[in-house]
Amino acid sequence: MIQRATANRRPSLVSEIMTAPVHTIGGNASARDASEHMRKERLRHLVVVDEASRTIGLVSDRDIRAAEPSLLLVRDAAMRANALSLLRVRDVMKANPHVIRPGDTIRSALVTMKRYKVGSLPVVDDGQRVVGILTGFDILDLTLRLLAE
């Protein structure tokens, strides 16, 4: 069961501050579809899942930008976007990302993020199915709430 922090108690578990539901995408989707979805939903990360909703990767807006042809080489925006249509998400994602569980402590999640220099962690259940995502913005929101106390 996913817990949420109450007004009287400081959150200590990932489940209390993670973003859920999480936006996902399949590995066979085009990088352009991923880019457009992230832009439309104002996201920086999509969790990449297989047919059983198990986490297989993580794709960031930075991964997409790195895959896009350089503006120096291809000036036309439509041509750069079309190039992304040729790439699959599985070609640009980070495979086998570090993951955490809803019951993990926020502290352990922060240690993992710092150790591996990542800005987000998919939150998965025991079957590796994604149930949420913990991002730097979730941490900022928590920090702002704690500072307001």
Protein backbone atom coordinates (compact mmCIF):
# COMPACT_ATOMS: atom_id res chain seq x y z
CA MET A 1 0.00 0.00 0.00
CA ILE A 2 1.32 3.46 -0.92
CA GLN A 3 1.45 5.88 1.98
CA ARG A 4 1.17 9.64 1.78
CA ALA A 5 2.52 12.04 4.36
CA THR A 6 -0.01 13.61 6.68
CA ALA A 7 0.08 17.24 7.75
CA ASN A 8 1.26 16.29 11.26
CA ARG A 9 4.13 14.03 10.27
CA ARG A 10 7.29 14.50 8.26
CA PRO A 11 7.49 12.13 5.31
CA SER A 12 10.15 9.46 5.53
CA LEU A 13 9.25 6.99 2.77
CA VAL A 14 9.58 7.31 -0.98
CA SER A 15 5.87 6.50 -1.39
CA GLU A 16 5.01 9.66 0.52
CA ILE A 17 6.68 12.06 -1.92
CA MET A 18 7.01 10.24 -5.26
CA THR A 19 5.08 11.28 -8.33
CA ALA A 20 2.33 8.82 -9.21
CA PRO A 21 0.91 7.84 -11.54
CA VAL A 22 4.01 7.99 -13.69
CA HIS A 23 4.20 8.61 -17.43
CA THR A 24 5.59 5.62 -19.30
CA ILE A 25 6.51 4.73 -22.86
CA GLY A 26 7.37 1.52 -24.68
CA GLY A 27 10.85 0.87 -25.98
CA ASN A 28 9.59 0.53 -29.56
CA ALA A 29 8.04 4.01 -29.61
CA SER A 30 9.89 6.60 -31.66
CA ALA A 31 12.20 9.06 -29.97
CA ARG A 32 10.06 11.77 -31.59
CA ASP A 33 6.93 10.42 -29.85
CA ALA A 34 8.81 10.47 -26.55
CA SER A 35 10.01 14.02 -27.19
CA GLU A 36 6.53 15.26 -28.07
CA HIS A 37 4.98 13.54 -25.05
CA MET A 38 7.54 15.08 -22.71
CA ARG A 39 7.04 18.52 -24.24
CA LYS A 40 3.24 18.29 -24.11
CA GLU A 41 3.16 17.03 -20.50
CA ARG A 42 6.11 19.21 -19.40
CA LEU A 43 8.16 16.20 -18.27
CA ARG A 44 11.88 15.63 -18.06
CA HIS A 45 11.74 11.82 -17.78
CA LEU A 46 9.71 8.90 -19.06
CA VAL A 47 10.00 5.42 -17.60
CA VAL A 48 10.42 2.87 -20.37
CA VAL A 49 8.41 -0.29 -19.81
CA ASP A 50 7.88 -3.64 -21.49
CA GLU A 51 4.49 -5.18 -22.31
CA ALA A 52 4.01 -6.23 -18.66
CA SER A 53 4.73 -2.68 -17.38
CA ARG A 54 8.10 -3.78 -16.01
CA THR A 55 10.75 -1.08 -15.96
CA ILE A 56 13.41 -1.62 -18.63
CA GLY A 57 14.82 1.88 -18.99
CA LEU A 58 14.57 5.59 -18.42
CA VAL A 59 14.65 8.26 -21.11
CA SER A 60 15.24 11.92 -20.34
CA ASP A 61 14.83 15.08 -22.33
CA ARG A 62 18.62 15.25 -22.29
CA ASP A 63 18.86 11.80 -23.91
CA ILE A 64 16.51 12.98 -26.66
CA ARG A 65 18.46 16.20 -27.25
CA ALA A 66 21.71 14.23 -27.44
CA ALA A 67 20.19 11.96 -30.11
CA GLU A 68 18.87 14.86 -32.18
CA PRO A 69 21.04 16.04 -35.08
CA SER A 70 23.08 19.12 -34.25
CA LEU A 71 21.65 22.50 -35.11
CA LEU A 72 25.02 23.26 -36.68
CA LEU A 73 24.60 20.41 -39.15
CA VAL A 74 20.83 20.41 -39.69
CA ARG A 75 19.30 23.86 -39.41
CA ASP A 76 15.73 22.87 -40.30
CA ALA A 77 13.73 21.97 -37.16
CA ALA A 78 11.36 19.70 -39.09
CA MET A 79 14.29 17.70 -40.45
CA ARG A 80 15.75 17.30 -36.94
CA ALA A 81 12.36 16.14 -35.66
CA ASN A 82 12.03 13.70 -38.56
CA ALA A 83 15.43 12.26 -37.70
CA LEU A 84 14.07 11.47 -34.22
CA SER A 85 11.25 9.54 -35.90
CA LEU A 86 13.83 7.06 -37.17
CA LEU A 87 15.17 6.31 -33.68
CA ARG A 88 13.42 4.08 -31.16
CA VAL A 89 13.25 4.93 -27.46
CA ARG A 90 15.25 1.76 -26.73
CA ASP A 91 18.10 3.25 -28.81
CA VAL A 92 18.40 6.40 -26.68
CA MET A 93 17.23 5.31 -23.20
CA LYS A 94 19.38 4.41 -20.23
CA ALA A 95 18.79 0.67 -19.91
CA ASN A 96 18.41 -0.99 -16.51
CA PRO A 97 18.15 2.22 -14.48
CA HIS A 98 18.70 2.30 -10.74
CA VAL A 99 15.32 1.80 -9.10
CA ILE A 100 13.84 2.12 -5.64
CA ARG A 101 10.85 0.68 -3.82
CA PRO A 102 7.91 2.63 -2.37
CA GLY A 103 8.89 1.50 1.14
CA ASP A 104 12.49 2.69 0.85
CA THR A 105 13.44 5.68 2.93
CA ILE A 106 13.82 9.07 1.31
CA ARG A 107 17.34 9.19 2.72
CA SER A 108 18.35 5.96 0.97
CA ALA A 109 16.85 7.27 -2.29
CA LEU A 110 18.88 10.47 -1.96
CA VAL A 111 22.05 8.48 -1.32
CA THR A 112 21.36 6.45 -4.48
CA MET A 113 20.69 9.59 -6.53
CA LYS A 114 23.90 11.21 -5.32
CA ARG A 115 26.05 8.09 -5.66
CA TYR A 116 24.99 7.46 -9.25
CA LYS A 117 24.51 11.14 -10.18
CA VAL A 118 20.96 10.67 -11.43
CA GLY A 119 18.10 13.15 -11.31
CA SER A 120 15.31 10.60 -11.02
CA LEU A 121 14.62 7.07 -9.92
CA PRO A 122 11.76 4.87 -11.09
CA VAL A 123 9.82 3.47 -8.15
CA VAL A 124 8.94 -0.19 -8.71
CA ASP A 125 7.05 -2.94 -6.93
CA ASP A 126 8.45 -6.43 -6.29
CA GLY A 127 7.64 -7.44 -9.88
CA GLN A 128 9.67 -4.51 -11.30
CA ARG A 129 6.41 -2.85 -12.40
CA VAL A 130 6.60 0.91 -12.21
CA VAL A 131 4.39 2.53 -9.56
CA GLY A 132 5.91 6.00 -9.51
CA ILE A 133 8.99 8.10 -10.03
CA LEU A 134 11.09 10.13 -7.63
CA THR A 135 12.61 13.23 -9.20
CA GLY A 136 14.70 16.13 -8.09
CA PHE A 137 11.53 18.23 -8.16
CA ASP A 138 9.87 15.89 -5.65
CA ILE A 139 12.87 16.46 -3.38
CA LEU A 140 12.65 20.24 -3.91
CA ASP A 141 8.94 20.19 -3.04
CA LEU A 142 9.72 18.28 0.16
CA THR A 143 12.52 20.68 1.06
CA LEU A 144 10.28 23.70 0.55
CA ARG A 145 7.57 22.15 2.73
CA LEU A 146 10.07 21.38 5.50
CA LEU A 147 11.56 24.87 5.34
CA ALA A 148 8.08 26.36 5.68
CA GLU A 149 7.56 24.56 9.01
